Amino acid sequence: MQHDPKDDSSDSMLVPFLTAKSESMSDELLRAIIDEHADPIIKKILRSKLRVSLNGRGTQQNQDALEIAGDLRASIIATLRALRQNPNQTAIANFSDYVAIKTYSACADYFREKHPQRWRLKSLLRRRLRQNPRFALWQAEDKRWYAGFSRHEETGSAADEPGKLSAAQMKSDEFLSVLFERSGRPIVFDEVVRIAAETWHIHDPPTEPIDTDGSERDDQFMSSEPRVDLALEQRLFFEQVWLEVCQLPVLQRAALLLNLRDSRDGGMISFLPFLGVASKEELARLLEMPDADFQKLWNELPLDDLRIAQMFGITRQQVINLRKTARERLARRMGKLEAK
């Protein structure tokens, strides 16, 4: 089935591929999209996050990165082909942002698999630094992330070694307070994580390298079963942009959240309470809906654009445009909000 360009919010760069008259032409355009648009983004992010060369040789981590890049290409190709065949599938409003988010999520998944306990610890500490008004987490001019008491604004050098803490049973907020008081100045966030790991005796066991033939990952990737972990991979993204979502106009929030879907067209809003990002009550308030009305909608989510339009007395196209505007704003903020 040829893609219908009418009433579509797809990235204009994808339109020639989506509306190509022949399969040979669509295949040629698809190769160009991957080579010229997707690959540069994938490689740039993998090189930065995994500290690899992607030159076909080197460490096991470099080989893992090459495999991740291959999986990402396969996923993007499958998604684009499905989008061309199925006009009703959710459009990709900004292809560059779509590729970047998938790649950041793949990196996050990789580090969780390689260092699961340390990753959970880092997520916990990041969350507490952001949620407790006594603390702060910020990126300084040297591009590194620092943590400290909220009265500090920026620094240009790392703190002195504050020493190993002995109270292994202390809670995270207490640990951070003692650490910052002992240091007397902000500390590089990765150093905070290292000291916390030593204090709480958190050590990941050695992990087996991913099979070089990639068969296990390919089987998982091509499986027709829904993967809940694909939604969980977005946890970092949700945490980073949630405050920005709260700043959106209410109609943009509704267009975005009530239609929130994963790459397999499944609903994702239900993961927000599960991940501790926002409760159902908070979501209802954010959408300016009575709790009872939102509870009735909960099991029907995600809603299609026509249903959302009817709820708010606007047109379907207005819903599409509102969601596109919201995504563009959030995408612009990703670089500033992302914390590692």
C-alpha atoms as a PDB file:
ATOM      1  CA  MET A   1       0.000   0.000   0.000  1.00  0.00           C
ATOM      2  CA  GLN A   2       1.437   3.394  -0.986  1.00  0.00           C
ATOM      3  CA  HIS A   3       1.635   5.998   1.741  1.00  0.00           C
ATOM      4  CA  ASP A   4      -0.988   8.743   1.564  1.00  0.00           C
ATOM      5  CA  PRO A   5       0.733  12.121   2.020  1.00  0.00           C
ATOM      6  CA  LYS A   6      -2.495  13.925   2.876  1.00  0.00           C
ATOM      7  CA  ASP A   7      -3.099  15.030   6.452  1.00  0.00           C
ATOM      8  CA  ASP A   8       0.359  13.755   7.410  1.00  0.00           C
ATOM      9  CA  SER A   9       2.844  15.101   9.938  1.00  0.00           C
ATOM     10  CA  SER A  10       5.857  13.107   8.711  1.00  0.00           C
ATOM     11  CA  ASP A  11       9.236  14.792   8.396  1.00  0.00           C
ATOM     12  CA  SER A  12       9.373  16.371   4.939  1.00  0.00           C
ATOM     13  CA  MET A  13      12.690  14.631   4.305  1.00  0.00           C
ATOM     14  CA  LEU A  14      10.868  11.265   4.412  1.00  0.00           C
ATOM     15  CA  VAL A  15       8.047  12.211   2.038  1.00  0.00           C
ATOM     16  CA  PRO A  16       9.820  11.226  -1.254  1.00  0.00           C
ATOM     17  CA  PHE A  17      10.493   7.756   0.175  1.00  0.00           C
ATOM     18  CA  LEU A  18       6.997   7.363   1.616  1.00  0.00           C
ATOM     19  CA  THR A  19       5.329   8.363  -1.658  1.00  0.00           C
ATOM     20  CA  ALA A  20       7.715   6.687  -4.133  1.00  0.00           C
ATOM     21  CA  LYS A  21       5.853   5.086  -7.048  1.00  0.00           C
ATOM     22  CA  SER A  22       7.980   1.943  -7.256  1.00  0.00           C
ATOM     23  CA  GLU A  23       9.751  -0.365  -4.833  1.00  0.00           C
ATOM     24  CA  SER A  24      13.088   0.091  -6.601  1.00  0.00           C
ATOM     25  CA  MET A  25      12.843   3.849  -6.168  1.00  0.00           C
ATOM     26  CA  SER A  26      11.801   3.526  -2.528  1.00  0.00           C
ATOM     27  CA  ASP A  27      14.738   1.183  -1.829  1.00  0.00           C
ATOM     28  CA  GLU A  28      17.169   3.669  -3.354  1.00  0.00           C
ATOM     29  CA  LEU A  29      15.716   6.528  -1.313  1.00  0.00           C
ATOM     30  CA  LEU A  30      15.776   4.393   1.826  1.00  0.00           C
ATOM     31  CA  ARG A  31      19.488   3.675   1.382  1.00  0.00           C
ATOM     32  CA  ALA A  32      20.138   7.398   1.028  1.00  0.00           C
ATOM     33  CA  ILE A  33      18.149   8.162   4.190  1.00  0.00           C
ATOM     34  CA  ILE A  34      20.187   5.656   6.192  1.00  0.00           C
ATOM     35  CA  ASP A  35      23.582   6.592   4.712  1.00  0.00           C
ATOM     36  CA  GLU A  36      23.160  10.371   4.699  1.00  0.00           C
ATOM     37  CA  HIS A  37      20.893  11.053   7.669  1.00  0.00           C
ATOM     38  CA  ALA A  38      20.732   8.135  10.123  1.00  0.00           C
ATOM     39  CA  ASP A  39      24.319   6.823  10.069  1.00  0.00           C
ATOM     40  CA  PRO A  40      26.053  10.127  10.928  1.00  0.00           C
ATOM     41  CA  ILE A  41      23.821  10.604  13.987  1.00  0.00           C
ATOM     42  CA  ILE A  42      24.236   7.006  15.147  1.00  0.00           C
ATOM     43  CA  LYS A  43      28.027   7.101  14.801  1.00  0.00           C
ATOM     44  CA  LYS A  44      28.437  10.474  16.480  1.00  0.00           C
ATOM     45  CA  ILE A  45      26.430   9.438  19.540  1.00  0.00           C
ATOM     46  CA  LEU A  46      28.033   5.983  19.852  1.00  0.00           C
ATOM     47  CA  ARG A  47      31.543   7.446  19.595  1.00  0.00           C
ATOM     48  CA  SER A  48      30.728  10.014  22.267  1.00  0.00           C
ATOM     49  CA  LYS A  49      28.866   7.783  24.716  1.00  0.00           C
ATOM     50  CA  LEU A  50      30.828   4.535  24.375  1.00  0.00           C
ATOM     51  CA  ARG A  51      34.236   6.146  23.659  1.00  0.00           C
ATOM     52  CA  VAL A  52      34.872   3.963  20.615  1.00  0.00           C
ATOM     53  CA  SER A  53      36.285   4.417  17.114  1.00  0.00           C
ATOM     54  CA  LEU A  54      33.834   2.226  15.148  1.00  0.00           C
ATOM     55  CA  ASN A  55      36.717   1.305  12.835  1.00  0.00           C
ATOM     56  CA  GLY A  56      36.036  -2.440  12.801  1.00  0.00           C
ATOM     57  CA  ARG A  57      38.832  -3.303  15.222  1.00  0.00           C
ATOM     58  CA  GLY A  58      39.800  -2.567  18.793  1.00  0.00           C
ATOM     59  CA  THR A  59      38.219  -3.446  22.121  1.00  0.00           C
ATOM     60  CA  GLN A  60      35.210  -5.591  22.842  1.00  0.00           C
ATOM     61  CA  GLN A  61      33.298  -2.381  23.543  1.00  0.00           C
ATOM     62  CA  ASN A  62      34.116  -1.186  20.033  1.00  0.00           C
ATOM     63  CA  GLN A  63      32.766  -4.457  18.622  1.00  0.00           C
ATOM     64  CA  ASP A  64      29.666  -4.075  20.777  1.00  0.00           C
ATOM     65  CA  ALA A  65      29.192  -0.552  19.424  1.00  0.00           C
ATOM     66  CA  LEU A  66      29.381  -1.820  15.841  1.00  0.00           C
ATOM     67  CA  GLU A  67      26.701  -4.366  16.677  1.00  0.00           C
ATOM     68  CA  ILE A  68      24.509  -1.715  18.292  1.00  0.00           C
ATOM     69  CA  ALA A  69      24.868   0.435  15.173  1.00  0.00           C
ATOM     70  CA  GLY A  70      23.804  -2.482  12.995  1.00  0.00           C
ATOM     71  CA  ASP A  71      20.779  -3.181  15.182  1.00  0.00           C
ATOM     72  CA  LEU A  72      19.763   0.472  15.059  1.00  0.00           C
ATOM     73  CA  ARG A  73      19.972   0.557  11.261  1.00  0.00           C
ATOM     74  CA  ALA A  74      17.867  -2.597  11.011  1.00  0.00           C
ATOM     75  CA  SER A  75      15.268  -1.170  13.397  1.00  0.00           C
ATOM     76  CA  ILE A  76      15.042   2.147  11.554  1.00  0.00           C
ATOM     77  CA  ILE A  77      14.760   0.438   8.167  1.00  0.00           C
ATOM     78  CA  ALA A  78      11.971  -1.817   9.465  1.00  0.00           C
ATOM     79  CA  THR A  79      10.118   1.155  10.943  1.00  0.00           C
ATOM     80  CA  LEU A  80      10.360   3.210   7.762  1.00  0.00           C
ATOM     81  CA  ARG A  81       9.190   0.323   5.591  1.00  0.00           C
ATOM     82  CA  ALA A  82       6.252  -0.270   7.909  1.00  0.00           C
ATOM     83  CA  LEU A  83       5.412   3.427   7.805  1.00  0.00           C
ATOM     84  CA  ARG A  84       5.400   3.370   4.007  1.00  0.00           C
ATOM     85  CA  GLN A  85       3.094   0.345   3.912  1.00  0.00           C
ATOM     86  CA  ASN A  86       0.736   1.455   6.669  1.00  0.00           C
ATOM     87  CA  PRO A  87      -0.577   5.046   6.380  1.00  0.00           C
ATOM     88  CA  ASN A  88      -2.283   4.732   9.777  1.00  0.00           C
ATOM     89  CA  GLN A  89       0.973   4.149  11.645  1.00  0.00           C
ATOM     90  CA  THR A  90       2.216   6.991  13.838  1.00  0.00           C
ATOM     91  CA  ALA A  91       4.251   9.429  11.762  1.00  0.00           C
ATOM     92  CA  ILE A  92       7.869  10.411  12.434  1.00  0.00           C
ATOM     93  CA  ALA A  93       7.669  14.183  12.767  1.00  0.00           C
ATOM     94  CA  ASN A  94      11.418  14.777  13.075  1.00  0.00           C
ATOM     95  CA  PHE A  95      13.649  12.005  11.738  1.00  0.00           C
ATOM     96  CA  SER A  96      16.900  13.332  13.217  1.00  0.00           C
ATOM     97  CA  ASP A  97      15.378  13.500  16.700  1.00  0.00           C
ATOM     98  CA  TYR A  98      13.865  10.044  16.249  1.00  0.00           C
ATOM     99  CA  VAL A  99      17.269   8.535  15.376  1.00  0.00           C
ATOM    100  CA  ALA A 100      19.008  10.394  18.211  1.00  0.00           C
ATOM    101  CA  ILE A 101      16.509   9.228  20.828  1.00  0.00           C
ATOM    102  CA  LYS A 102      16.758   5.606  19.653  1.00  0.00           C
ATOM    103  CA  THR A 103      20.559   5.778  19.781  1.00  0.00           C
ATOM    104  CA  TYR A 104      20.695   7.353  23.245  1.00  0.00           C
ATOM    105  CA  SER A 105      18.267   4.677  24.439  1.00  0.00           C
ATOM    106  CA  ALA A 106      20.436   1.930  22.928  1.00  0.00           C
ATOM    107  CA  CYS A 107      23.469   3.334  24.764  1.00  0.00           C
ATOM    108  CA  ALA A 108      21.523   3.429  28.025  1.00  0.00           C
ATOM    109  CA  ASP A 109      20.418  -0.165  27.493  1.00  0.00           C
ATOM    110  CA  TYR A 110      24.002  -1.239  26.784  1.00  0.00           C
ATOM    111  CA  PHE A 111      25.342   0.278  30.002  1.00  0.00           C
ATOM    112  CA  ARG A 112      22.471  -1.211  32.008  1.00  0.00           C
ATOM    113  CA  GLU A 113      23.329  -4.655  30.638  1.00  0.00           C
ATOM    114  CA  LYS A 114      27.073  -4.279  31.259  1.00  0.00           C
ATOM    115  CA  HIS A 115      26.879  -2.541  34.653  1.00  0.00           C
ATOM    116  CA  PRO A 116      23.319  -2.980  36.010  1.00  0.00           C
ATOM    117  CA  GLN A 117      24.012  -2.279  39.687  1.00  0.00           C
ATOM    118  CA  ARG A 118      26.176   0.757  39.014  1.00  0.00           C
ATOM    119  CA  TRP A 119      23.587   2.052  36.526  1.00  0.00           C
ATOM    120  CA  ARG A 120      20.802   1.777  39.105  1.00  0.00           C
ATOM    121  CA  LEU A 121      22.996   3.570  41.637  1.00  0.00           C
ATOM    122  CA  LYS A 122      23.764   6.382  39.177  1.00  0.00           C
ATOM    123  CA  SER A 123      20.066   6.779  38.360  1.00  0.00           C
ATOM    124  CA  LEU A 124      19.182   6.914  42.060  1.00  0.00           C
ATOM    125  CA  LEU A 125      21.791   9.562  42.803  1.00  0.00           C
ATOM    126  CA  ARG A 126      20.836  11.642  39.770  1.00  0.00           C
ATOM    127  CA  ARG A 127      17.185  11.540  40.803  1.00  0.00           C
ATOM    128  CA  ARG A 128      17.921  12.569  44.393  1.00  0.00           C
ATOM    129  CA  LEU A 129      20.176  15.431  43.277  1.00  0.00           C
ATOM    130  CA  ARG A 130      17.346  16.790  41.145  1.00  0.00           C
ATOM    131  CA  GLN A 131      14.454  16.210  43.528  1.00  0.00           C
ATOM    132  CA  ASN A 132      15.988  17.430  46.787  1.00  0.00           C
ATOM    133  CA  PRO A 133      16.167  21.263  46.750  1.00  0.00           C
ATOM    134  CA  ARG A 134      19.248  21.135  48.993  1.00  0.00           C
ATOM    135  CA  PHE A 135      21.280  19.622  46.168  1.00  0.00           C
ATOM    136  CA  ALA A 136      22.148  20.584  42.608  1.00  0.00           C
ATOM    137  CA  LEU A 137      23.449  18.856  39.491  1.00  0.00           C
ATOM    138  CA  TRP A 138      24.786  21.017  36.678  1.00  0.00           C
ATOM    139  CA  GLN A 139      27.091  21.049  33.684  1.00  0.00           C
ATOM    140  CA  ALA A 140      30.052  23.407  34.000  1.00  0.00           C
ATOM    141  CA  GLU A 141      32.057  25.155  31.307  1.00  0.00           C
ATOM    142  CA  ASP A 142      34.447  22.203  31.093  1.00  0.00           C
ATOM    143  CA  LYS A 143      31.438  20.121  29.869  1.00  0.00           C
ATOM    144  CA  ARG A 144      31.575  17.842  32.914  1.00  0.00           C
ATOM    145  CA  TRP A 145      28.664  17.308  35.309  1.00  0.00           C
ATOM    146  CA  TYR A 146      29.100  18.395  38.920  1.00  0.00           C
ATOM    147  CA  ALA A 147      27.095  17.795  42.086  1.00  0.00           C
ATOM    148  CA  GLY A 148      26.963  19.765  45.303  1.00  0.00           C
ATOM    149  CA  PHE A 149      24.801  21.837  47.578  1.00  0.00           C
ATOM    150  CA  SER A 150      22.362  24.036  45.678  1.00  0.00           C
ATOM    151  CA  ARG A 151      24.141  27.252  46.632  1.00  0.00           C
ATOM    152  CA  HIS A 152      26.955  26.311  44.239  1.00  0.00           C
ATOM    153  CA  GLU A 153      26.406  27.358  40.630  1.00  0.00           C
ATOM    154  CA  GLU A 154      29.443  26.262  38.654  1.00  0.00           C
ATOM    155  CA  THR A 155      33.053  25.185  38.962  1.00  0.00           C
ATOM    156  CA  GLY A 156      36.032  24.779  36.711  1.00  0.00           C
ATOM    157  CA  SER A 157      37.969  22.130  38.606  1.00  0.00           C
ATOM    158  CA  ALA A 158      37.299  18.876  40.386  1.00  0.00           C
ATOM    159  CA  ALA A 159      37.010  18.670  44.155  1.00  0.00           C
ATOM    160  CA  ASP A 160      39.716  17.137  46.305  1.00  0.00           C
ATOM    161  CA  GLU A 161      39.275  13.486  47.202  1.00  0.00           C
ATOM    162  CA  PRO A 162      36.819  13.585  50.134  1.00  0.00           C
ATOM    163  CA  GLY A 163      37.824  10.175  51.402  1.00  0.00           C
ATOM    164  CA  LYS A 164      35.916   6.925  51.746  1.00  0.00           C
ATOM    165  CA  LEU A 165      32.757   7.092  53.816  1.00  0.00           C
ATOM    166  CA  SER A 166      32.249   4.425  56.443  1.00  0.00           C
ATOM    167  CA  ALA A 167      28.489   4.573  57.102  1.00  0.00           C
ATOM    168  CA  ALA A 168      27.423   1.994  54.540  1.00  0.00           C
ATOM    169  CA  GLN A 169      23.829   1.916  55.769  1.00  0.00           C
ATOM    170  CA  MET A 170      23.126   5.639  55.365  1.00  0.00           C
ATOM    171  CA  LYS A 171      20.363   6.699  52.980  1.00  0.00           C
ATOM    172  CA  SER A 172      21.107   8.445  49.711  1.00  0.00           C
ATOM    173  CA  ASP A 173      20.251  12.000  50.883  1.00  0.00           C
ATOM    174  CA  GLU A 174      22.264  11.551  54.056  1.00  0.00           C
ATOM    175  CA  PHE A 175      25.173  10.167  52.043  1.00  0.00           C
ATOM    176  CA  LEU A 176      25.137  13.164  49.692  1.00  0.00           C
ATOM    177  CA  SER A 177      24.989  15.636  52.586  1.00  0.00           C
ATOM    178  CA  VAL A 178      27.947  14.035  54.375  1.00  0.00           C
ATOM    179  CA  LEU A 179      29.916  13.786  51.138  1.00  0.00           C
ATOM    180  CA  PHE A 180      29.409  17.438  50.168  1.00  0.00           C
ATOM    181  CA  GLU A 181      30.089  18.680  53.709  1.00  0.00           C
ATOM    182  CA  ARG A 182      33.307  16.677  53.878  1.00  0.00           C
ATOM    183  CA  SER A 183      34.431  17.843  50.450  1.00  0.00           C
ATOM    184  CA  GLY A 184      33.598  21.504  50.989  1.00  0.00           C
ATOM    185  CA  ARG A 185      33.174  22.064  47.264  1.00  0.00           C
ATOM    186  CA  PRO A 186      31.330  20.547  44.271  1.00  0.00           C
ATOM    187  CA  ILE A 187      32.361  17.102  43.048  1.00  0.00           C
ATOM    188  CA  VAL A 188      32.382  15.619  39.565  1.00  0.00           C
ATOM    189  CA  PHE A 189      29.227  13.506  39.359  1.00  0.00           C
ATOM    190  CA  ASP A 190      31.046  10.367  38.187  1.00  0.00           C
ATOM    191  CA  GLU A 191      33.245  10.674  41.277  1.00  0.00           C
ATOM    192  CA  VAL A 192      30.126  10.861  43.451  1.00  0.00           C
ATOM    193  CA  VAL A 193      28.957   7.604  41.867  1.00  0.00           C
ATOM    194  CA  ARG A 194      32.365   5.964  42.412  1.00  0.00           C
ATOM    195  CA  ILE A 195      32.455   6.915  46.116  1.00  0.00           C
ATOM    196  CA  ALA A 196      28.845   5.769  46.584  1.00  0.00           C
ATOM    197  CA  ALA A 197      29.670   2.413  44.981  1.00  0.00           C
ATOM    198  CA  GLU A 198      32.578   1.956  47.390  1.00  0.00           C
ATOM    199  CA  THR A 199      30.517   3.044  50.379  1.00  0.00           C
ATOM    200  CA  TRP A 200      27.646   0.686  49.641  1.00  0.00           C
ATOM    201  CA  HIS A 201      29.871  -2.111  48.255  1.00  0.00           C
ATOM    202  CA  ILE A 202      28.202  -2.068  44.857  1.00  0.00           C
ATOM    203  CA  HIS A 203      30.231  -4.004  42.307  1.00  0.00           C
ATOM    204  CA  ASP A 204      29.000  -5.500  39.074  1.00  0.00           C
ATOM    205  CA  PRO A 205      30.351  -8.978  38.278  1.00  0.00           C
ATOM    206  CA  PRO A 206      32.217  -9.429  34.975  1.00  0.00           C
ATOM    207  CA  THR A 207      29.784  -9.792  32.092  1.00  0.00           C
ATOM    208  CA  GLU A 208      30.040 -12.229  29.208  1.00  0.00           C
ATOM    209  CA  PRO A 209      30.807 -10.523  25.883  1.00  0.00           C
ATOM    210  CA  ILE A 210      27.972 -10.375  23.374  1.00  0.00           C
ATOM    211  CA  ASP A 211      28.263 -13.181  20.806  1.00  0.00           C
ATOM    212  CA  THR A 212      30.239 -11.956  17.819  1.00  0.00           C
ATOM    213  CA  ASP A 213      27.730 -13.383  15.353  1.00  0.00           C
ATOM    214  CA  GLY A 214      25.037 -11.224  16.939  1.00  0.00           C
ATOM    215  CA  SER A 215      22.480 -14.044  16.685  1.00  0.00           C
ATOM    216  CA  GLU A 216      21.081 -13.604  20.186  1.00  0.00           C
ATOM    217  CA  ARG A 217      20.519  -9.875  19.772  1.00  0.00           C
ATOM    218  CA  ASP A 218      19.116 -10.340  16.277  1.00  0.00           C
ATOM    219  CA  ASP A 219      16.600 -12.873  17.559  1.00  0.00           C
ATOM    220  CA  GLN A 220      15.496 -10.459  20.262  1.00  0.00           C
ATOM    221  CA  PHE A 221      15.379  -7.577  17.825  1.00  0.00           C
ATOM    222  CA  MET A 222      13.327  -9.359  15.197  1.00  0.00           C
ATOM    223  CA  SER A 223      10.961 -11.011  17.658  1.00  0.00           C
ATOM    224  CA  SER A 224       7.296 -10.329  17.014  1.00  0.00           C
ATOM    225  CA  GLU A 225       6.571 -10.334  20.750  1.00  0.00           C
ATOM    226  CA  PRO A 226       6.084  -6.922  22.356  1.00  0.00           C
ATOM    227  CA  ARG A 227       9.150  -5.839  24.361  1.00  0.00           C
ATOM    228  CA  VAL A 228       8.354  -3.919  27.524  1.00  0.00           C
ATOM    229  CA  ASP A 229      12.052  -3.034  27.838  1.00  0.00           C
ATOM    230  CA  LEU A 230      11.772  -0.854  24.742  1.00  0.00           C
ATOM    231  CA  ALA A 231       9.513   1.406  26.772  1.00  0.00           C
ATOM    232  CA  LEU A 232      11.755   1.182  29.826  1.00  0.00           C
ATOM    233  CA  GLU A 233      14.680   2.300  27.687  1.00  0.00           C
ATOM    234  CA  GLN A 234      12.981   5.690  27.476  1.00  0.00           C
ATOM    235  CA  ARG A 235      13.254   6.205  31.237  1.00  0.00           C
ATOM    236  CA  LEU A 236      16.225   8.520  30.949  1.00  0.00           C
ATOM    237  CA  PHE A 237      14.444  10.533  28.260  1.00  0.00           C
ATOM    238  CA  PHE A 238      11.264  10.879  30.334  1.00  0.00           C
ATOM    239  CA  GLU A 239      13.167  11.970  33.444  1.00  0.00           C
ATOM    240  CA  GLN A 240      15.102  14.570  31.498  1.00  0.00           C
ATOM    241  CA  VAL A 241      12.186  16.229  29.738  1.00  0.00           C
ATOM    242  CA  TRP A 242       9.361  15.814  32.244  1.00  0.00           C
ATOM    243  CA  LEU A 243       9.788  19.272  33.704  1.00  0.00           C
ATOM    244  CA  GLU A 244       9.649  20.672  30.189  1.00  0.00           C
ATOM    245  CA  VAL A 245       6.428  18.742  29.499  1.00  0.00           C
ATOM    246  CA  CYS A 246       4.898  20.469  32.513  1.00  0.00           C
ATOM    247  CA  GLN A 247       5.725  23.834  30.930  1.00  0.00           C
ATOM    248  CA  LEU A 248       3.889  23.081  27.667  1.00  0.00           C
ATOM    249  CA  PRO A 249       0.454  24.634  26.996  1.00  0.00           C
ATOM    250  CA  VAL A 250      -2.313  22.281  28.059  1.00  0.00           C
ATOM    251  CA  LEU A 251      -3.406  21.383  24.505  1.00  0.00           C
ATOM    252  CA  GLN A 252       0.158  20.461  23.560  1.00  0.00           C
ATOM    253  CA  ARG A 253       0.413  18.310  26.696  1.00  0.00           C
ATOM    254  CA  ALA A 254      -2.819  16.536  25.801  1.00  0.00           C
ATOM    255  CA  ALA A 255      -1.836  15.939  22.163  1.00  0.00           C
ATOM    256  CA  LEU A 256       1.488  14.490  23.292  1.00  0.00           C
ATOM    257  CA  LEU A 257       0.579  12.458  26.379  1.00  0.00           C
ATOM    258  CA  LEU A 258      -2.809  11.026  25.402  1.00  0.00           C
ATOM    259  CA  ASN A 259      -1.293   9.633  22.190  1.00  0.00           C
ATOM    260  CA  LEU A 260       2.059   8.550  23.666  1.00  0.00           C
ATOM    261  CA  ARG A 261       3.201   5.368  21.880  1.00  0.00           C
ATOM    262  CA  ASP A 262       6.291   3.218  21.507  1.00  0.00           C
ATOM    263  CA  SER A 263       7.867   2.047  18.246  1.00  0.00           C
ATOM    264  CA  ARG A 264       5.389  -0.856  18.055  1.00  0.00           C
ATOM    265  CA  ASP A 265       2.394   1.469  18.425  1.00  0.00           C
ATOM    266  CA  GLY A 266       1.799   0.362  22.004  1.00  0.00           C
ATOM    267  CA  GLY A 267       0.782   2.732  24.787  1.00  0.00           C
ATOM    268  CA  MET A 268       3.558   4.213  26.919  1.00  0.00           C
ATOM    269  CA  ILE A 269       1.773   6.576  29.292  1.00  0.00           C
ATOM    270  CA  SER A 270       1.112   3.717  31.715  1.00  0.00           C
ATOM    271  CA  PHE A 271       4.861   3.434  32.297  1.00  0.00           C
ATOM    272  CA  LEU A 272       5.065   6.955  33.740  1.00  0.00           C
ATOM    273  CA  PRO A 273       3.561   5.983  37.137  1.00  0.00           C
ATOM    274  CA  PHE A 274       5.455   2.661  37.043  1.00  0.00           C
ATOM    275  CA  LEU A 275       8.777   4.451  36.572  1.00  0.00           C
ATOM    276  CA  GLY A 276       7.983   7.041  39.230  1.00  0.00           C
ATOM    277  CA  VAL A 277       7.982   9.891  36.706  1.00  0.00           C
ATOM    278  CA  ALA A 278       4.384  10.994  37.425  1.00  0.00           C
ATOM    279  CA  SER A 279       1.373   9.506  39.209  1.00  0.00           C
ATOM    280  CA  LYS A 280      -2.074   9.172  37.628  1.00  0.00           C
ATOM    281  CA  GLU A 281      -3.267  12.062  39.764  1.00  0.00           C
ATOM    282  CA  GLU A 282      -0.380  14.238  38.578  1.00  0.00           C
ATOM    283  CA  LEU A 283      -1.124  13.331  34.967  1.00  0.00           C
ATOM    284  CA  ALA A 284      -4.780  14.268  35.422  1.00  0.00           C
ATOM    285  CA  ARG A 285      -3.834  17.645  36.907  1.00  0.00           C
ATOM    286  CA  LEU A 286      -1.335  18.255  34.129  1.00  0.00           C
ATOM    287  CA  LEU A 287      -4.062  17.606  31.549  1.00  0.00           C
ATOM    288  CA  GLU A 288      -6.515  19.723  33.566  1.00  0.00           C
ATOM    289  CA  MET A 289      -8.957  16.816  33.768  1.00  0.00           C
ATOM    290  CA  PRO A 290     -10.961  15.635  36.781  1.00  0.00           C
ATOM    291  CA  ASP A 291      -9.393  12.552  38.354  1.00  0.00           C
ATOM    292  CA  ALA A 292     -12.538  10.503  37.792  1.00  0.00           C
ATOM    293  CA  ASP A 293     -12.656  11.329  34.080  1.00  0.00           C
ATOM    294  CA  PHE A 294      -8.994  10.498  33.628  1.00  0.00           C
ATOM    295  CA  GLN A 295      -9.389   7.190  35.470  1.00  0.00           C
ATOM    296  CA  LYS A 296     -12.138   6.230  33.001  1.00  0.00           C
ATOM    297  CA  LEU A 297      -9.818   6.960  30.083  1.00  0.00           C
ATOM    298  CA  TRP A 298      -6.831   5.136  31.557  1.00  0.00           C
ATOM    299  CA  ASN A 299      -7.490   1.701  30.089  1.00  0.00           C
ATOM    300  CA  GLU A 300      -8.302   3.191  26.662  1.00  0.00           C
ATOM    301  CA  LEU A 301      -4.949   4.946  26.254  1.00  0.00           C
ATOM    302  CA  PRO A 302      -3.337   5.764  23.900  1.00  0.00           C
ATOM    303  CA  LEU A 303      -6.179   7.648  22.206  1.00  0.00           C
ATOM    304  CA  ASP A 304      -6.291   8.322  18.487  1.00  0.00           C
ATOM    305  CA  ASP A 305      -6.097  11.886  17.217  1.00  0.00           C
ATOM    306  CA  LEU A 306      -9.785  12.102  16.338  1.00  0.00           C
ATOM    307  CA  ARG A 307     -10.817  11.144  19.881  1.00  0.00           C
ATOM    308  CA  ILE A 308      -8.452  13.740  21.367  1.00  0.00           C
ATOM    309  CA  ALA A 309      -9.816  16.353  18.964  1.00  0.00           C
ATOM    310  CA  GLN A 310     -13.397  15.623  20.032  1.00  0.00           C
ATOM    311  CA  MET A 311     -12.478  15.875  23.720  1.00  0.00           C
ATOM    312  CA  PHE A 312     -10.997  19.347  23.332  1.00  0.00           C
ATOM    313  CA  GLY A 313     -13.231  20.730  20.589  1.00  0.00           C
ATOM    314  CA  ILE A 314     -10.522  21.055  17.931  1.00  0.00           C
ATOM    315  CA  THR A 315      -9.738  19.342  14.615  1.00  0.00           C
ATOM    316  CA  ARG A 316      -7.662  16.212  14.106  1.00  0.00           C
ATOM    317  CA  GLN A 317      -5.083  18.194  12.145  1.00  0.00           C
ATOM    318  CA  GLN A 318      -4.771  20.660  15.005  1.00  0.00           C
ATOM    319  CA  VAL A 319      -4.004  17.749  17.334  1.00  0.00           C
ATOM    320  CA  ILE A 320      -1.278  16.547  14.949  1.00  0.00           C
ATOM    321  CA  ASN A 321       0.197  20.050  14.726  1.00  0.00           C
ATOM    322  CA  LEU A 322       0.099  20.548  18.493  1.00  0.00           C
ATOM    323  CA  ARG A 323       1.934  17.270  19.089  1.00  0.00           C
ATOM    324  CA  LYS A 324       4.535  18.104  16.449  1.00  0.00           C
ATOM    325  CA  THR A 325       5.170  21.491  18.076  1.00  0.00           C
ATOM    326  CA  ALA A 326       5.494  19.872  21.508  1.00  0.00           C
ATOM    327  CA  ARG A 327       7.967  17.269  20.234  1.00  0.00           C
ATOM    328  CA  GLU A 328      10.070  19.910  18.516  1.00  0.00           C
ATOM    329  CA  ARG A 329      10.298  21.956  21.705  1.00  0.00           C
ATOM    330  CA  LEU A 330      11.246  18.925  23.789  1.00  0.00           C
ATOM    331  CA  ALA A 331      13.825  17.836  21.216  1.00  0.00           C
ATOM    332  CA  ARG A 332      15.481  21.244  21.333  1.00  0.00           C
ATOM    333  CA  ARG A 333      15.808  20.906  25.102  1.00  0.00           C
ATOM    334  CA  MET A 334      17.329  17.402  25.097  1.00  0.00           C
ATOM    335  CA  GLY A 335      20.907  18.530  24.721  1.00  0.00           C
ATOM    336  CA  LYS A 336      20.635  20.878  27.707  1.00  0.00           C
ATOM    337  CA  LEU A 337      18.706  18.473  29.930  1.00  0.00           C
ATOM    338  CA  GLU A 338      20.621  15.236  29.324  1.00  0.00           C
ATOM    339  CA  ALA A 339      22.842  14.282  32.254  1.00  0.00           C
ATOM    340  CA  LYS A 340      25.431  11.579  32.337  1.00  0.00           C
END
